[in-house]
Amino acid sequence: MLRFLVRRMLHSILVLLGVLFVVHGLLLLTGDPTAALLPPDAELEVRENLREKLGLDDPFPVQYAKFVGRAVRGDFGDSFRQARPAFDFVSEKADETIKLGAVGLAISLAVGGPLGALSALRKGTWIDRTARTVAAMGQAIPDFWLGIMLILILGVNLNWLPISGTGDWRHLLMPGLVVALPTLPAVVRIYRSSLIGVLDRDYVRAARARGLNGTQVFGRHVARNAAIPIVTVLAFEVGSIMSGALIAEVIFAYPGMGRVAYQAIINRDIAVVQAYVFMVSLIVVTTNMLLDIAYSLLDPRVRVR
């Protein structure tokens, strides 16, 4: 286990460095950040002085090397707009984004799991067709459109839920549904397929032959083994959850990292965008590592080496 964790940590570090390299290059290729910081009629000398102060006049490899050297020490530079450390500005909003992502994941599992189970246990019936239709609709609906419709229906017309900001659990419901939307169809489809495969296994038929009822067979032998592919799906869906959190935070004015990153992209605040990408990448690689460990615990046949 220790060798596995060390190896995964080394891989994660390489992934983070690669992501930062690509993002740093793409941000510089989009244009001169000083154009967003200075008025259009600013003199060339003023513009060049600002570029020198920000280190933007160095070649790209030099900029990247300096950036990585600072990042190792936890310094991602200062925000152009906020005049404060970019990492602190992003990290203080991380708990809100993680909370929103956790709510979205919980909704996906709470809704998608039972739907997938009903679809598999009632294969070929109207329940199965309804569950698959719901999954297909969830995959086809754009998450930003769902957010706008939720605001209009639940927030404005019915006045059931708040439409923006943060506070109690009610502020998390509508954004959580938007975050859950990309993951829920995958949970329904994969859990349904996995259950159908497990229900046909010999050990399930043997359990029934020993006199166990349907609930006992499902709880002891089917549910756990069928959940193994869900862990794999979640490992791929963490990125979708984080991207969905960004969209939900912008639509619902939710004070999380995604909203900060959106404003930083508009303002071309490179330091904040880099800090956000690093934080999201760290969350993704850490979650994938934990899911790998959970996979080995769910399936005794899998051994971490």
Protein backbone atom coordinates (compact mmCIF):
# COMPACT_ATOMS: atom_id res chain seq x y z
CA MET A 1 0.00 0.00 0.00
CA LEU A 2 2.82 2.41 0.86
CA ARG A 3 4.53 1.83 -2.49
CA PHE A 4 1.22 2.39 -4.25
CA LEU A 5 0.60 5.68 -2.44
CA VAL A 6 4.12 6.95 -3.17
CA ARG A 7 3.81 6.01 -6.84
CA ARG A 8 0.42 7.68 -7.14
CA MET A 9 1.70 10.82 -5.45
CA LEU A 10 4.58 11.04 -7.92
CA HIS A 11 2.16 10.58 -10.82
CA SER A 12 -0.10 13.25 -9.35
CA ILE A 13 2.76 15.72 -9.13
CA LEU A 14 3.59 15.12 -12.80
CA VAL A 15 -0.06 15.62 -13.72
CA LEU A 16 -0.21 18.91 -11.81
CA LEU A 17 2.96 20.18 -13.47
CA GLY A 18 1.63 19.23 -16.90
CA VAL A 19 -1.71 20.92 -16.30
CA LEU A 20 -0.04 24.11 -15.10
CA PHE A 21 2.29 24.09 -18.09
CA VAL A 22 -0.58 23.87 -20.57
CA VAL A 23 -2.75 26.43 -18.78
CA HIS A 24 0.13 28.89 -18.40
CA GLY A 25 0.89 28.62 -22.11
CA LEU A 26 -2.74 28.98 -23.22
CA LEU A 27 -3.30 32.02 -21.05
CA LEU A 28 -0.28 33.76 -22.53
CA LEU A 29 -1.34 32.83 -26.06
CA THR A 30 -4.70 34.57 -25.62
CA GLY A 31 -3.09 38.00 -25.59
CA ASP A 32 -1.36 40.58 -23.43
CA PRO A 33 -2.80 40.66 -19.86
CA THR A 34 -1.77 44.31 -19.50
CA ALA A 35 -4.53 45.18 -21.98
CA ALA A 36 -7.07 44.36 -19.25
CA LEU A 37 -5.16 46.20 -16.54
CA LEU A 38 -4.47 49.50 -18.29
CA PRO A 39 -6.73 51.91 -20.14
CA PRO A 40 -6.68 51.64 -23.95
CA ASP A 41 -4.86 54.96 -24.30
CA ALA A 42 -2.01 54.04 -21.91
CA GLU A 43 1.43 54.95 -23.16
CA LEU A 44 3.77 52.27 -24.43
CA GLU A 45 6.33 53.02 -21.72
CA VAL A 46 3.76 52.51 -18.98
CA ARG A 47 2.67 49.24 -20.58
CA GLU A 48 6.26 47.98 -20.85
CA ASN A 49 6.98 48.90 -17.25
CA LEU A 50 3.96 46.93 -16.10
CA ARG A 51 5.00 43.94 -18.20
CA GLU A 52 8.46 44.04 -16.64
CA LYS A 53 7.02 44.34 -13.15
CA LEU A 54 4.77 41.32 -13.71
CA GLY A 55 7.55 39.29 -15.33
CA LEU A 56 5.68 39.04 -18.63
CA ASP A 57 8.66 40.20 -20.68
CA ASP A 58 10.62 37.01 -19.95
CA PRO A 59 10.60 34.08 -22.40
CA PHE A 60 7.96 31.45 -21.76
CA PRO A 61 10.37 28.80 -20.34
CA VAL A 62 11.77 31.37 -17.90
CA GLN A 63 8.26 32.43 -16.84
CA TYR A 64 7.22 28.83 -16.33
CA ALA A 65 10.38 27.94 -14.39
CA LYS A 66 9.89 30.93 -12.10
CA PHE A 67 6.24 30.04 -11.67
CA VAL A 68 6.98 26.41 -10.71
CA GLY A 69 9.71 27.53 -8.32
CA ARG A 70 7.24 29.80 -6.55
CA ALA A 71 4.45 27.20 -6.66
CA VAL A 72 6.64 24.67 -4.84
CA ARG A 73 6.81 27.16 -1.99
CA GLY A 74 3.05 27.72 -2.15
CA ASP A 75 3.36 31.07 -3.93
CA PHE A 76 1.29 31.47 -7.09
CA GLY A 77 1.86 35.20 -7.31
CA ASP A 78 -0.45 38.08 -6.54
CA SER A 79 -3.78 38.76 -8.13
CA PHE A 80 -3.58 41.62 -10.64
CA ARG A 81 -7.00 42.87 -9.59
CA GLN A 82 -7.14 42.04 -5.88
CA ALA A 83 -3.52 42.93 -5.00
CA ARG A 84 -3.28 39.93 -2.69
CA PRO A 85 -1.86 36.39 -2.93
CA ALA A 86 -3.82 34.53 -5.59
CA PHE A 87 -3.70 31.18 -3.82
CA ASP A 88 -5.14 32.65 -0.62
CA PHE A 89 -7.87 34.34 -2.64
CA VAL A 90 -8.85 31.03 -4.26
CA SER A 91 -8.31 28.67 -1.31
CA GLU A 92 -10.59 30.65 1.01
CA LYS A 93 -13.45 29.78 -1.36
CA ALA A 94 -12.47 26.12 -1.72
CA ASP A 95 -14.67 24.89 1.13
CA GLU A 96 -17.78 26.30 -0.55
CA THR A 97 -16.96 24.60 -3.86
CA ILE A 98 -16.14 21.30 -2.16
CA LYS A 99 -19.41 21.52 -0.25
CA LEU A 100 -21.34 22.16 -3.47
CA GLY A 101 -19.56 19.32 -5.28
CA ALA A 102 -20.30 16.94 -2.39
CA VAL A 103 -24.00 17.87 -2.53
CA GLY A 104 -24.06 17.30 -6.28
CA LEU A 105 -22.36 13.92 -5.89
CA ALA A 106 -24.77 12.94 -3.11
CA ILE A 107 -27.76 13.84 -5.30
CA SER A 108 -26.32 11.82 -8.19
CA LEU A 109 -25.89 8.73 -6.03
CA ALA A 110 -29.15 9.18 -4.10
CA VAL A 111 -31.20 9.52 -7.29
CA GLY A 112 -29.13 7.56 -9.81
CA GLY A 113 -28.52 4.54 -7.57
CA PRO A 114 -32.18 3.71 -6.87
CA LEU A 115 -33.15 4.47 -10.47
CA GLY A 116 -30.46 2.11 -11.75
CA ALA A 117 -31.48 -0.56 -9.25
CA LEU A 118 -35.18 -0.31 -10.15
CA SER A 119 -34.32 -0.41 -13.83
CA ALA A 120 -32.24 -3.56 -13.41
CA LEU A 121 -34.67 -5.37 -11.07
CA ARG A 122 -37.62 -4.53 -13.35
CA LYS A 123 -35.81 -5.08 -16.61
CA GLY A 124 -38.04 -4.75 -19.66
CA THR A 125 -40.95 -3.17 -17.75
CA TRP A 126 -42.26 0.39 -17.85
CA ILE A 127 -40.14 1.17 -14.79
CA ASP A 128 -37.01 0.22 -16.72
CA ARG A 129 -38.03 2.30 -19.71
CA THR A 130 -38.90 5.29 -17.51
CA ALA A 131 -35.56 5.15 -15.68
CA ARG A 132 -33.62 4.96 -18.93
CA THR A 133 -35.64 7.84 -20.35
CA VAL A 134 -34.87 9.98 -17.31
CA ALA A 135 -31.18 9.15 -17.71
CA ALA A 136 -31.24 10.05 -21.41
CA MET A 137 -33.02 13.33 -20.69
CA GLY A 138 -30.50 14.18 -17.99
CA GLN A 139 -27.68 13.62 -20.44
CA ALA A 140 -29.32 15.78 -23.12
CA ILE A 141 -30.29 18.78 -20.96
CA PRO A 142 -27.61 21.50 -20.78
CA ASP A 143 -26.71 22.23 -17.18
CA PHE A 144 -26.83 26.01 -17.63
CA TRP A 145 -30.37 25.74 -19.08
CA LEU A 146 -31.44 23.62 -16.12
CA GLY A 147 -30.08 26.25 -13.75
CA ILE A 148 -32.03 29.03 -15.44
CA MET A 149 -35.24 26.95 -15.43
CA LEU A 150 -34.82 26.11 -11.75
CA ILE A 151 -34.44 29.80 -10.94
CA LEU A 152 -37.55 30.72 -12.93
CA ILE A 153 -39.75 27.90 -11.60
CA LEU A 154 -38.62 27.17 -8.05
CA GLY A 155 -37.14 30.55 -7.22
CA VAL A 156 -39.22 33.19 -8.99
CA ASN A 157 -42.62 31.65 -9.74
CA LEU A 158 -43.03 29.35 -6.71
CA ASN A 159 -40.66 31.19 -4.36
CA TRP A 160 -39.64 27.92 -2.74
CA LEU A 161 -35.85 28.31 -2.81
CA PRO A 162 -33.39 31.24 -2.80
CA ILE A 163 -31.97 32.00 -6.24
CA SER A 164 -28.49 33.23 -5.25
CA GLY A 165 -25.88 33.43 -2.54
CA THR A 166 -25.13 31.04 0.29
CA GLY A 167 -26.59 30.33 3.70
CA ASP A 168 -28.56 27.29 4.87
CA TRP A 169 -29.20 24.00 3.07
CA ARG A 170 -31.80 25.58 0.76
CA HIS A 171 -29.10 27.58 -1.02
CA LEU A 172 -27.42 24.31 -2.03
CA LEU A 173 -30.38 22.48 -3.55
CA MET A 174 -30.68 24.16 -6.94
CA PRO A 175 -26.92 24.51 -7.54
CA GLY A 176 -26.52 20.91 -6.36
CA LEU A 177 -29.01 19.71 -8.98
CA VAL A 178 -27.04 21.50 -11.68
CA VAL A 179 -23.80 19.91 -10.46
CA ALA A 180 -25.44 16.47 -10.30
CA LEU A 181 -26.86 16.62 -13.83
CA PRO A 182 -23.75 15.47 -15.78
CA THR A 183 -23.04 12.56 -13.39
CA LEU A 184 -26.53 11.24 -12.72
CA PRO A 185 -27.16 9.60 -16.15
CA ALA A 186 -23.83 7.78 -15.97
CA VAL A 187 -24.65 6.44 -12.50
CA VAL A 188 -28.05 5.14 -13.69
CA ARG A 189 -26.67 3.44 -16.81
CA ILE A 190 -23.59 1.89 -15.22
CA TYR A 191 -25.37 0.69 -12.07
CA ARG A 192 -28.16 -0.83 -14.13
CA SER A 193 -25.71 -2.70 -16.39
CA SER A 194 -23.63 -3.81 -13.43
CA LEU A 195 -26.64 -5.11 -11.50
CA ILE A 196 -27.93 -7.03 -14.50
CA GLY A 197 -24.54 -8.71 -14.84
CA VAL A 198 -24.24 -9.53 -11.13
CA LEU A 199 -27.80 -10.90 -10.86
CA ASP A 200 -26.88 -13.62 -13.37
CA ARG A 201 -23.81 -14.82 -11.44
CA ASP A 202 -23.65 -18.32 -9.98
CA TYR A 203 -23.09 -17.15 -6.40
CA VAL A 204 -26.35 -15.15 -6.54
CA ARG A 205 -28.29 -18.21 -7.67
CA ALA A 206 -26.56 -20.23 -4.94
CA ALA A 207 -27.59 -17.68 -2.31
CA ARG A 208 -31.18 -17.94 -3.45
CA ALA A 209 -30.98 -21.72 -3.34
CA ARG A 210 -29.85 -21.52 0.30
CA GLY A 211 -33.17 -19.85 1.14
CA LEU A 212 -32.14 -16.19 1.34
CA ASN A 213 -34.89 -13.78 0.39
CA GLY A 214 -34.52 -11.10 -2.26
CA THR A 215 -33.56 -8.35 0.19
CA GLN A 216 -30.83 -10.48 1.79
CA VAL A 217 -29.42 -11.54 -1.57
CA PHE A 218 -29.37 -7.95 -2.81
CA GLY A 219 -27.83 -6.52 0.35
CA ARG A 220 -25.18 -9.20 0.95
CA HIS A 221 -24.15 -10.32 -2.53
CA VAL A 222 -25.45 -7.99 -5.24
CA ALA A 223 -25.28 -4.35 -4.14
CA ARG A 224 -21.61 -4.32 -3.07
CA ASN A 225 -20.28 -6.13 -6.13
CA ALA A 226 -22.43 -4.06 -8.49
CA ALA A 227 -21.14 -0.85 -6.90
CA ILE A 228 -17.55 -1.51 -8.02
CA PRO A 229 -18.02 -0.02 -11.53
CA ILE A 230 -19.65 3.05 -9.95
CA VAL A 231 -16.35 3.82 -8.22
CA THR A 232 -14.62 3.76 -11.60
CA VAL A 233 -17.28 6.04 -13.08
CA LEU A 234 -16.92 8.52 -10.23
CA ALA A 235 -13.17 8.67 -10.82
CA PHE A 236 -13.88 9.96 -14.32
CA GLU A 237 -16.77 12.19 -13.26
CA VAL A 238 -14.92 14.26 -10.65
CA GLY A 239 -13.82 16.65 -13.40
CA SER A 240 -17.41 16.96 -14.62
CA ILE A 241 -18.54 17.73 -11.09
CA MET A 242 -15.97 20.50 -10.75
CA SER A 243 -16.87 22.00 -14.13
CA GLY A 244 -20.55 21.78 -13.22
CA ALA A 245 -19.76 23.56 -9.95
CA LEU A 246 -18.21 26.44 -11.91
CA ILE A 247 -21.34 26.82 -14.06
CA ALA A 248 -23.65 26.56 -11.04
CA GLU A 249 -21.66 29.13 -9.08
CA VAL A 250 -21.85 31.63 -11.92
CA ILE A 251 -25.59 31.11 -12.51
CA PHE A 252 -26.57 31.22 -8.84
CA ALA A 253 -23.95 33.80 -7.75
CA TYR A 254 -22.60 31.19 -5.36
CA PRO A 255 -19.39 32.37 -3.64
CA GLY A 256 -17.07 29.52 -4.57
CA MET A 257 -13.83 28.99 -6.48
CA GLY A 258 -15.63 28.66 -9.79
CA ARG A 259 -17.13 32.14 -9.60
CA VAL A 260 -13.74 33.56 -8.64
CA ALA A 261 -12.15 31.80 -11.62
CA TYR A 262 -14.86 33.05 -13.99
CA GLN A 263 -14.26 36.64 -12.94
CA ALA A 264 -10.49 36.12 -13.18
CA ILE A 265 -10.81 34.80 -16.74
CA ILE A 266 -12.83 37.86 -17.77
CA ASN A 267 -10.26 40.15 -16.16
CA ARG A 268 -7.33 38.11 -17.48
CA ASP A 269 -6.02 37.67 -13.94
CA ILE A 270 -3.51 34.93 -14.75
CA ALA A 271 -2.33 34.28 -11.19
CA VAL A 272 -5.87 33.58 -9.94
CA VAL A 273 -6.67 31.30 -12.89
CA GLN A 274 -3.48 29.31 -12.31
CA ALA A 275 -4.22 29.00 -8.60
CA TYR A 276 -7.76 27.82 -9.40
CA VAL A 277 -6.55 25.23 -11.90
CA PHE A 278 -4.00 23.96 -9.40
CA MET A 279 -6.65 23.67 -6.67
CA VAL A 280 -9.10 21.84 -8.95
CA SER A 281 -6.35 19.53 -10.24
CA LEU A 282 -5.32 18.78 -6.66
CA ILE A 283 -8.92 17.92 -5.74
CA VAL A 284 -9.28 15.67 -8.81
CA VAL A 285 -6.04 13.70 -8.33
CA THR A 286 -6.63 13.34 -4.58
CA THR A 287 -10.18 12.09 -5.14
CA ASN A 288 -8.99 9.61 -7.75
CA MET A 289 -6.40 8.27 -5.33
CA LEU A 290 -9.03 7.79 -2.63
CA LEU A 291 -11.35 6.08 -5.11
CA ASP A 292 -8.56 3.68 -6.08
CA ILE A 293 -8.20 2.73 -2.43
CA ALA A 294 -11.99 2.35 -2.11
CA TYR A 295 -11.97 0.11 -5.20
CA SER A 296 -9.51 -2.28 -3.55
CA LEU A 297 -11.64 -2.35 -0.38
CA LEU A 298 -14.86 -3.09 -2.26
CA ASP A 299 -13.34 -5.91 -4.32
CA PRO A 300 -11.13 -8.32 -2.32
CA ARG A 301 -9.77 -9.68 -5.60
CA VAL A 302 -8.07 -6.34 -6.24
CA ARG A 303 -4.79 -5.90 -4.42
CA VAL A 304 -2.94 -2.57 -4.35
CA ARG A 305 0.69 -3.12 -5.35
